[in-house]
C-alpha atoms as a PDB file:
ATOM      1  CA  MET A   1      -6.585  12.818  16.739  1.00  0.00           C
ATOM      2  CA  LYS A   2      -3.526  10.854  15.664  1.00  0.00           C
ATOM      3  CA  VAL A   3      -3.705   8.362  12.769  1.00  0.00           C
ATOM      4  CA  ALA A   4      -0.911   6.266  11.261  1.00  0.00           C
ATOM      5  CA  ALA A   5      -1.352   5.160   7.644  1.00  0.00           C
ATOM      6  CA  ILE A   6       0.801   2.261   6.499  1.00  0.00           C
ATOM      7  CA  TYR A   7       0.421   1.138   2.905  1.00  0.00           C
ATOM      8  CA  ASP A   8       1.962  -1.391   0.542  1.00  0.00           C
ATOM      9  CA  ILE A   9       3.739  -3.529   3.122  1.00  0.00           C
ATOM     10  CA  HIS A  10       4.163  -6.262   0.504  1.00  0.00           C
ATOM     11  CA  ALA A  11       4.803  -8.884   3.166  1.00  0.00           C
ATOM     12  CA  ASN A  12       8.135  -7.314   4.091  1.00  0.00           C
ATOM     13  CA  LEU A  13       7.924  -8.270   7.758  1.00  0.00           C
ATOM     14  CA  PRO A  14      11.175  -6.615   8.941  1.00  0.00           C
ATOM     15  CA  ALA A  15      10.118  -3.273   7.460  1.00  0.00           C
ATOM     16  CA  LEU A  16       6.720  -3.569   9.140  1.00  0.00           C
ATOM     17  CA  GLU A  17       8.318  -4.464  12.463  1.00  0.00           C
ATOM     18  CA  ALA A  18      10.426  -1.300  12.331  1.00  0.00           C
ATOM     19  CA  VAL A  19       7.380   0.894  11.699  1.00  0.00           C
ATOM     20  CA  LEU A  20       5.356  -0.734  14.476  1.00  0.00           C
ATOM     21  CA  ALA A  21       8.275  -0.282  16.855  1.00  0.00           C
ATOM     22  CA  GLU A  22       8.299   3.432  16.072  1.00  0.00           C
ATOM     23  CA  LEU A  23       4.529   3.608  16.468  1.00  0.00           C
ATOM     24  CA  SER A  24       4.709   2.071  19.934  1.00  0.00           C
ATOM     25  CA  SER A  25       5.885   5.375  21.408  1.00  0.00           C
ATOM     26  CA  LEU A  26       3.484   7.617  19.455  1.00  0.00           C
ATOM     27  CA  ARG A  27       0.153   6.527  20.981  1.00  0.00           C
ATOM     28  CA  VAL A  28      -1.850   6.698  17.784  1.00  0.00           C
ATOM     29  CA  ASP A  29      -5.646   6.568  17.949  1.00  0.00           C
ATOM     30  CA  MET A  30      -5.995   4.524  14.760  1.00  0.00           C
ATOM     31  CA  LEU A  31      -3.782   2.461  12.475  1.00  0.00           C
ATOM     32  CA  VAL A  32      -5.001   2.313   8.876  1.00  0.00           C
ATOM     33  CA  VAL A  33      -3.473  -0.542   6.875  1.00  0.00           C
ATOM     34  CA  GLY A  34      -4.037   0.586   3.308  1.00  0.00           C
ATOM     35  CA  GLY A  35      -3.777  -2.577   1.235  1.00  0.00           C
ATOM     36  CA  ASP A  36      -1.213  -4.642  -0.658  1.00  0.00           C
ATOM     37  CA  VAL A  37      -0.283  -6.292   2.602  1.00  0.00           C
ATOM     38  CA  ILE A  38       0.214  -9.843   1.350  1.00  0.00           C
ATOM     39  CA  SER A  39       2.015  -9.768  -2.001  1.00  0.00           C
ATOM     40  CA  GLY A  40       5.587 -10.433  -0.993  1.00  0.00           C
ATOM     41  CA  PRO A  41       7.869 -12.885   0.775  1.00  0.00           C
ATOM     42  CA  LEU A  42       6.282 -13.337   4.248  1.00  0.00           C
ATOM     43  CA  PRO A  43       2.492 -12.996   3.914  1.00  0.00           C
ATOM     44  CA  ASN A  44       1.386 -15.231   6.800  1.00  0.00           C
ATOM     45  CA  GLU A  45       3.933 -13.778   9.187  1.00  0.00           C
ATOM     46  CA  THR A  46       3.020 -10.225   8.192  1.00  0.00           C
ATOM     47  CA  LEU A  47      -0.700 -10.729   8.787  1.00  0.00           C
ATOM     48  CA  ALA A  48       0.003 -12.468  12.079  1.00  0.00           C
ATOM     49  CA  ARG A  49       2.040  -9.479  13.246  1.00  0.00           C
ATOM     50  CA  LEU A  50      -0.654  -7.001  12.226  1.00  0.00           C
ATOM     51  CA  ASN A  51      -3.274  -9.040  14.060  1.00  0.00           C
ATOM     52  CA  GLU A  52      -1.104  -8.874  17.183  1.00  0.00           C
ATOM     53  CA  TYR A  53      -1.180  -5.070  17.106  1.00  0.00           C
ATOM     54  CA  GLN A  54      -3.226  -4.082  20.153  1.00  0.00           C
ATOM     55  CA  GLY A  55      -4.449  -0.640  19.104  1.00  0.00           C
ATOM     56  CA  ASN A  56      -7.423   0.331  16.952  1.00  0.00           C
ATOM     57  CA  LYS A  57      -6.896  -0.667  13.324  1.00  0.00           C
ATOM     58  CA  LEU A  58      -8.668  -0.728   9.976  1.00  0.00           C
ATOM     59  CA  PHE A  59      -7.715  -2.768   6.917  1.00  0.00           C
ATOM     60  CA  LEU A  60      -8.308  -1.868   3.267  1.00  0.00           C
ATOM     61  CA  LYS A  61      -8.187  -4.119   0.234  1.00  0.00           C
ATOM     62  CA  GLY A  62      -5.411  -3.325  -2.200  1.00  0.00           C
ATOM     63  CA  ASN A  63      -5.182  -4.689  -5.709  1.00  0.00           C
ATOM     64  CA  ALA A  64      -3.148  -7.643  -4.377  1.00  0.00           C
ATOM     65  CA  GLU A  65      -5.965  -8.621  -2.021  1.00  0.00           C
ATOM     66  CA  SER A  66      -8.541  -8.225  -4.792  1.00  0.00           C
ATOM     67  CA  ASP A  67      -6.432 -10.432  -7.078  1.00  0.00           C
ATOM     68  CA  LEU A  68      -6.238 -13.075  -4.350  1.00  0.00           C
ATOM     69  CA  LEU A  69     -10.011 -13.090  -3.850  1.00  0.00           C
ATOM     70  CA  SER A  70     -10.659 -13.230  -7.591  1.00  0.00           C
ATOM     71  CA  CYS A  71      -8.277 -16.156  -7.888  1.00  0.00           C
ATOM     72  CA  LEU A  72      -9.978 -17.950  -4.999  1.00  0.00           C
ATOM     73  CA  ASN A  73     -13.365 -17.483  -6.672  1.00  0.00           C
ATOM     74  CA  ASN A  74     -12.117 -18.457 -10.144  1.00  0.00           C
ATOM     75  CA  ALA A  75     -13.056 -14.985 -11.343  1.00  0.00           C
ATOM     76  CA  PRO A  76     -11.078 -12.829 -13.810  1.00  0.00           C
ATOM     77  CA  MET A  77      -8.278 -10.891 -12.170  1.00  0.00           C
ATOM     78  CA  ASN A  78      -7.502  -7.248 -12.828  1.00  0.00           C
ATOM     79  CA  ALA A  79      -3.801  -7.918 -12.291  1.00  0.00           C
ATOM     80  CA  LEU A  80      -1.377  -5.154 -13.175  1.00  0.00           C
ATOM     81  CA  SER A  81       1.096  -7.609 -14.715  1.00  0.00           C
ATOM     82  CA  PRO A  82       1.639 -11.328 -15.402  1.00  0.00           C
ATOM     83  CA  ARG A  83       3.905 -11.369 -12.362  1.00  0.00           C
ATOM     84  CA  ALA A  84       1.067 -10.048 -10.172  1.00  0.00           C
ATOM     85  CA  ALA A  85      -1.266 -12.739 -11.526  1.00  0.00           C
ATOM     86  CA  HIS A  86       1.326 -15.442 -10.803  1.00  0.00           C
ATOM     87  CA  GLU A  87       1.767 -14.092  -7.291  1.00  0.00           C
ATOM     88  CA  ALA A  88      -1.991 -14.303  -6.649  1.00  0.00           C
ATOM     89  CA  HIS A  89      -1.916 -17.999  -7.524  1.00  0.00           C
ATOM     90  CA  TRP A  90       1.086 -18.504  -5.239  1.00  0.00           C
ATOM     91  CA  LEU A  91      -0.725 -16.744  -2.404  1.00  0.00           C
ATOM     92  CA  VAL A  92      -3.728 -19.022  -2.824  1.00  0.00           C
ATOM     93  CA  SER A  93      -1.420 -21.969  -2.189  1.00  0.00           C
ATOM     94  CA  VAL A  94       0.459 -20.572   0.842  1.00  0.00           C
ATOM     95  CA  LEU A  95      -1.869 -18.202   2.694  1.00  0.00           C
ATOM     96  CA  LYS A  96      -3.666 -19.628   5.721  1.00  0.00           C
ATOM     97  CA  ASN A  97      -7.417 -20.072   5.329  1.00  0.00           C
ATOM     98  CA  GLU A  98      -8.112 -17.853   8.336  1.00  0.00           C
ATOM     99  CA  TYR A  99      -6.313 -14.989   6.587  1.00  0.00           C
ATOM    100  CA  LYS A 100      -8.179 -15.536   3.328  1.00  0.00           C
ATOM    101  CA  LYS A 101     -11.444 -15.185   5.253  1.00  0.00           C
ATOM    102  CA  GLN A 102     -10.142 -12.123   7.055  1.00  0.00           C
ATOM    103  CA  ILE A 103      -9.160 -10.398   3.809  1.00  0.00           C
ATOM    104  CA  ALA A 104     -12.615 -10.992   2.318  1.00  0.00           C
ATOM    105  CA  ASN A 105     -14.023  -8.709   5.029  1.00  0.00           C
ATOM    106  CA  TRP A 106     -11.665  -5.807   4.417  1.00  0.00           C
ATOM    107  CA  HIS A 107     -13.190  -2.621   2.982  1.00  0.00           C
ATOM    108  CA  PHE A 108     -12.198  -0.716  -0.159  1.00  0.00           C
ATOM    109  CA  THR A 109     -12.321   2.701   1.519  1.00  0.00           C
ATOM    110  CA  THR A 110     -12.844   4.128   4.979  1.00  0.00           C
ATOM    111  CA  GLU A 111     -13.422   7.622   6.352  1.00  0.00           C
ATOM    112  CA  ILE A 112     -12.223   9.250   9.550  1.00  0.00           C
ATOM    113  CA  ASN A 113     -13.200  12.724  10.703  1.00  0.00           C
ATOM    114  CA  SER A 114     -10.286  14.646  12.140  1.00  0.00           C
ATOM    115  CA  PRO A 115     -10.793  17.860  14.134  1.00  0.00           C
ATOM    116  CA  GLU A 116      -7.545  19.162  12.671  1.00  0.00           C
ATOM    117  CA  LEU A 117      -7.536  17.862   9.068  1.00  0.00           C
ATOM    118  CA  GLY A 118     -11.262  17.499   8.363  1.00  0.00           C
ATOM    119  CA  ARG A 119     -12.944  14.628   6.580  1.00  0.00           C
ATOM    120  CA  MET A 120     -10.258  12.108   5.633  1.00  0.00           C
ATOM    121  CA  LEU A 121     -10.902   9.360   3.078  1.00  0.00           C
ATOM    122  CA  PHE A 122      -8.496   6.426   2.937  1.00  0.00           C
ATOM    123  CA  CYS A 123      -8.284   4.325  -0.227  1.00  0.00           C
ATOM    124  CA  HIS A 124      -5.654   2.108  -1.770  1.00  0.00           C
ATOM    125  CA  ALA A 125      -5.348   3.733  -5.216  1.00  0.00           C
ATOM    126  CA  THR A 126      -8.302   6.066  -5.884  1.00  0.00           C
ATOM    127  CA  PRO A 127     -11.704   6.421  -4.194  1.00  0.00           C
ATOM    128  CA  ARG A 128     -13.371   4.549  -7.053  1.00  0.00           C
ATOM    129  CA  ASP A 129     -10.816   1.824  -7.829  1.00  0.00           C
ATOM    130  CA  ASN A 130      -7.961   0.017  -6.073  1.00  0.00           C
ATOM    131  CA  VAL A 131      -5.871  -0.548  -9.194  1.00  0.00           C
ATOM    132  CA  GLU A 132      -6.059   2.880 -10.883  1.00  0.00           C
ATOM    133  CA  ILE A 133      -2.757   4.731 -11.252  1.00  0.00           C
ATOM    134  CA  PHE A 134      -2.024   8.413 -10.882  1.00  0.00           C
ATOM    135  CA  THR A 135       1.098  10.265  -9.807  1.00  0.00           C
ATOM    136  CA  GLU A 136       2.170  13.679  -8.610  1.00  0.00           C
ATOM    137  CA  GLN A 137       2.432  14.683 -12.279  1.00  0.00           C
ATOM    138  CA  THR A 138      -0.906  13.338 -13.588  1.00  0.00           C
ATOM    139  CA  PRO A 139      -2.788  16.143 -15.374  1.00  0.00           C
ATOM    140  CA  LEU A 140      -5.770  17.491 -13.466  1.00  0.00           C
ATOM    141  CA  GLU A 141      -8.184  16.657 -16.294  1.00  0.00           C
ATOM    142  CA  GLN A 142      -7.233  12.974 -15.952  1.00  0.00           C
ATOM    143  CA  LEU A 143      -7.277  13.053 -12.175  1.00  0.00           C
ATOM    144  CA  ARG A 144     -10.627  14.806 -11.711  1.00  0.00           C
ATOM    145  CA  PRO A 145     -12.843  11.848 -12.805  1.00  0.00           C
ATOM    146  CA  MET A 146     -11.006   9.547 -10.384  1.00  0.00           C
ATOM    147  CA  LEU A 147     -12.122  11.789  -7.513  1.00  0.00           C
ATOM    148  CA  SER A 148     -15.631  12.603  -8.709  1.00  0.00           C
ATOM    149  CA  ARG A 149     -17.362  10.496  -6.043  1.00  0.00           C
ATOM    150  CA  CYS A 150     -15.337  11.918  -3.185  1.00  0.00           C
ATOM    151  CA  ASN A 151     -16.282  14.856  -0.940  1.00  0.00           C
ATOM    152  CA  ALA A 152     -13.396  14.528   1.501  1.00  0.00           C
ATOM    153  CA  ASP A 153     -11.084  17.321   2.567  1.00  0.00           C
ATOM    154  CA  LEU A 154      -8.105  14.973   2.476  1.00  0.00           C
ATOM    155  CA  ILE A 155      -7.583  11.785   0.459  1.00  0.00           C
ATOM    156  CA  ILE A 156      -4.927   9.339   1.644  1.00  0.00           C
ATOM    157  CA  CYS A 157      -3.765   6.731  -0.851  1.00  0.00           C
ATOM    158  CA  GLY A 158      -0.842   4.482  -1.691  1.00  0.00           C
ATOM    159  CA  HIS A 159      -0.494   1.957  -4.540  1.00  0.00           C
ATOM    160  CA  THR A 160       2.256   3.742  -6.469  1.00  0.00           C
ATOM    161  CA  HIS A 161       4.843   3.539  -3.624  1.00  0.00           C
ATOM    162  CA  MET A 162       5.926   7.193  -3.911  1.00  0.00           C
ATOM    163  CA  GLN A 163       5.272   9.727  -1.153  1.00  0.00           C
ATOM    164  CA  PHE A 164       3.819  13.036  -2.339  1.00  0.00           C
ATOM    165  CA  GLU A 165       1.189  15.680  -1.655  1.00  0.00           C
ATOM    166  CA  ARG A 166      -1.044  17.401  -4.186  1.00  0.00           C
ATOM    167  CA  ARG A 167      -3.288  20.357  -3.444  1.00  0.00           C
ATOM    168  CA  LEU A 168      -6.348  20.529  -5.662  1.00  0.00           C
ATOM    169  CA  PRO A 169      -9.150  23.100  -5.640  1.00  0.00           C
ATOM    170  CA  GLN A 170     -11.498  20.664  -3.895  1.00  0.00           C
ATOM    171  CA  CYS A 171      -9.143  18.701  -1.635  1.00  0.00           C
ATOM    172  CA  ARG A 172      -5.628  17.612  -0.750  1.00  0.00           C
ATOM    173  CA  ILE A 173      -4.209  14.244  -1.750  1.00  0.00           C
ATOM    174  CA  VAL A 174      -1.323  12.570   0.031  1.00  0.00           C
ATOM    175  CA  ASN A 175       0.370   9.320  -0.887  1.00  0.00           C
ATOM    176  CA  ALA A 176       1.729   7.364   2.069  1.00  0.00           C
ATOM    177  CA  GLY A 177       4.429   5.638   0.030  1.00  0.00           C
ATOM    178  CA  SER A 178       5.300   2.015   0.716  1.00  0.00           C
ATOM    179  CA  VAL A 179       6.454   0.280   3.877  1.00  0.00           C
ATOM    180  CA  GLY A 180       7.873  -2.772   2.128  1.00  0.00           C
ATOM    181  CA  MET A 181       8.711  -1.658  -1.423  1.00  0.00           C
ATOM    182  CA  PRO A 182       9.542   2.059  -1.221  1.00  0.00           C
ATOM    183  CA  VAL A 183      10.863   4.189  -4.059  1.00  0.00           C
ATOM    184  CA  GLY A 184      13.926   6.406  -3.728  1.00  0.00           C
ATOM    185  CA  THR A 185      14.911   4.987  -0.327  1.00  0.00           C
ATOM    186  CA  ASN A 186      15.182   1.606   1.348  1.00  0.00           C
ATOM    187  CA  SER A 187      13.639   2.929   4.561  1.00  0.00           C
ATOM    188  CA  ALA A 188      10.009   2.010   5.276  1.00  0.00           C
ATOM    189  CA  CYS A 189       7.701   4.867   4.241  1.00  0.00           C
ATOM    190  CA  TRP A 190       4.380   5.781   5.909  1.00  0.00           C
ATOM    191  CA  LEU A 191       2.263   8.700   7.129  1.00  0.00           C
ATOM    192  CA  LEU A 192       1.456  10.209  10.490  1.00  0.00           C
ATOM    193  CA  LEU A 193      -1.656  12.382  10.570  1.00  0.00           C
ATOM    194  CA  ASP A 194      -2.469  14.537  13.581  1.00  0.00           C
ATOM    195  CA  HIS A 195      -2.554  18.348  13.512  1.00  0.00           C
ATOM    196  CA  GLN A 196      -0.416  18.122  10.379  1.00  0.00           C
ATOM    197  CA  ILE A 197       0.679  15.612   7.736  1.00  0.00           C
ATOM    198  CA  SER A 198       4.083  14.058   8.387  1.00  0.00           C
ATOM    199  CA  PHE A 199       5.836  11.902   5.789  1.00  0.00           C
ATOM    200  CA  LYS A 200       7.794   9.297   7.712  1.00  0.00           C
ATOM    201  CA  GLN A 201      10.718   7.109   6.660  1.00  0.00           C
ATOM    202  CA  THR A 202      11.807   4.448   9.141  1.00  0.00           C
ATOM    203  CA  PRO A 203      15.167   2.722   8.612  1.00  0.00           C
ATOM    204  CA  TYR A 204      15.526  -0.969   9.367  1.00  0.00           C
ATOM    205  CA  ASP A 205      18.247  -3.610   9.206  1.00  0.00           C
ATOM    206  CA  VAL A 206      18.170  -4.427   5.488  1.00  0.00           C
ATOM    207  CA  GLN A 207      20.942  -7.025   5.715  1.00  0.00           C
ATOM    208  CA  ALA A 208      19.028  -9.023   8.318  1.00  0.00           C
ATOM    209  CA  ALA A 209      15.860  -8.581   6.265  1.00  0.00           C
ATOM    210  CA  ALA A 210      17.614  -9.862   3.150  1.00  0.00           C
ATOM    211  CA  GLN A 211      18.721 -13.001   4.971  1.00  0.00           C
ATOM    212  CA  LEU A 212      15.217 -13.673   6.315  1.00  0.00           C
ATOM    213  CA  ILE A 213      13.602 -13.156   2.906  1.00  0.00           C
ATOM    214  CA  ARG A 214      16.096 -15.454   1.183  1.00  0.00           C
ATOM    215  CA  GLN A 215      15.082 -18.187   3.622  1.00  0.00           C
ATOM    216  CA  SER A 216      11.344 -17.572   3.197  1.00  0.00           C
ATOM    217  CA  GLY A 217      10.629 -19.871   0.256  1.00  0.00           C
ATOM    218  CA  TYR A 218       9.235 -16.941  -1.724  1.00  0.00           C
ATOM    219  CA  PRO A 219       9.690 -17.694  -5.459  1.00  0.00           C
ATOM    220  CA  ASP A 220      10.964 -14.190  -6.252  1.00  0.00           C
ATOM    221  CA  ALA A 221      13.077 -13.811  -3.117  1.00  0.00           C
ATOM    222  CA  GLU A 222      16.421 -12.807  -4.622  1.00  0.00           C
ATOM    223  CA  ASN A 223      14.874 -10.243  -6.956  1.00  0.00           C
ATOM    224  CA  PHE A 224      12.932  -8.773  -4.028  1.00  0.00           C
ATOM    225  CA  VAL A 225      16.089  -8.585  -1.935  1.00  0.00           C
ATOM    226  CA  GLN A 226      18.170  -6.920  -4.627  1.00  0.00           C
ATOM    227  CA  GLN A 227      15.598  -4.442  -5.955  1.00  0.00           C
ATOM    228  CA  GLN A 228      13.429  -3.655  -2.926  1.00  0.00           C
ATOM    229  CA  VAL A 229      15.494  -4.258   0.221  1.00  0.00           C
ATOM    230  CA  LEU A 230      19.198  -3.708  -0.394  1.00  0.00           C
ATOM    231  CA  SER A 231      18.413  -0.977  -2.923  1.00  0.00           C
ATOM    232  CA  ALA A 232      15.310   0.787  -4.218  1.00  0.00           C
ATOM    233  CA  PRO A 233      14.041   2.082  -7.571  1.00  0.00           C
ATOM    234  CA  GLU A 234      15.034   5.616  -8.513  1.00  0.00           C
ATOM    235  CA  GLU A 235      12.172   8.101  -8.331  1.00  0.00           C
ATOM    236  CA  ALA A 236      12.605   9.543 -11.831  1.00  0.00           C
ATOM    237  CA  GLU A 237      12.671   6.154 -13.553  1.00  0.00           C
ATOM    238  CA  PHE A 238       9.765   4.885 -11.481  1.00  0.00           C
ATOM    239  CA  GLU A 239       7.707   7.972 -12.338  1.00  0.00           C
ATOM    240  CA  ILE A 240       8.217   7.265 -16.040  1.00  0.00           C
ATOM    241  CA  MET A 241       7.101   3.655 -15.600  1.00  0.00           C
ATOM    242  CA  LEU A 242       3.998   4.695 -13.647  1.00  0.00           C
ATOM    243  CA  THR A 243       3.090   7.299 -16.254  1.00  0.00           C
ATOM    244  CA  GLN A 244       3.272   4.670 -18.968  1.00  0.00           C
ATOM    245  CA  MET A 245       1.072   2.308 -16.934  1.00  0.00           C
ATOM    246  CA  ALA A 246      -1.429   5.079 -16.285  1.00  0.00           C
ATOM    247  CA  ARG A 247      -1.649   5.830 -20.016  1.00  0.00           C
ATOM    248  CA  GLN A 248      -2.230   2.155 -20.708  1.00  0.00           C
ATOM    249  CA  GLN A 249      -5.141   2.156 -18.277  1.00  0.00           C
ATOM    250  CA  LEU A 250      -6.691   5.118 -20.097  1.00  0.00           C
ATOM    251  CA  ARG A 251      -6.797   3.296 -23.414  1.00  0.00           C
ATOM    252  CA  PRO A 252     -10.192   1.906 -24.361  1.00  0.00           C
ATOM    253  CA  ALA A 253     -10.474  -1.862 -24.173  1.00  0.00           C
ATOM    254  CA  SER A 254     -10.055  -3.531 -27.548  1.00  0.00           C
END
């Protein structure tokens, strides 16, 4: 069985197009779209392209999709930052109604049984939460409660935009990285799962992407171009930021 896992597209349509072009020759049995599809410069165009994909596909809600739905329902958001909250409000104003309805039907997790890799669970962040942060360096005692409800052989996640694999006593965890906002590279990052786990990085024309994004009307277009397309965050600095965010999540609410 061959499964492609693409996470954290962040409405970077040119990066997505490059990955789908590579997938066209691989004949995958399932495409898992692991959330945070819409938060970025070209949300309508990105969802339209994914809907055009003719193969089998499954969609998961990321924290961006949950923020959108909370905003639509006038419910409190669990946004990771003020910028994420502002983006949810922007998405409410620009996203087509048909896509809002589509997103409401996405799942939080899905499972696929692989003859080669065993029981695979796909989630955006952790099996219990789509906003929870952990990294390759998170201590096992902090990580164990996040996985307590999971009996899978392999957990596939995203959310933190960094590709890695961790082997735990009870399972393996792999992070697919990010298609649209990768760390340590400006190639689109994703996973191919068949008889083994392959971390993929697909280059795309970042100059053409930058021009398209600048013309998109996205409020944060230039920042996105400079920090996510033409260059990318350094892994070491990003790891420090994620660790700080994870510690903040562990603090009891005041």
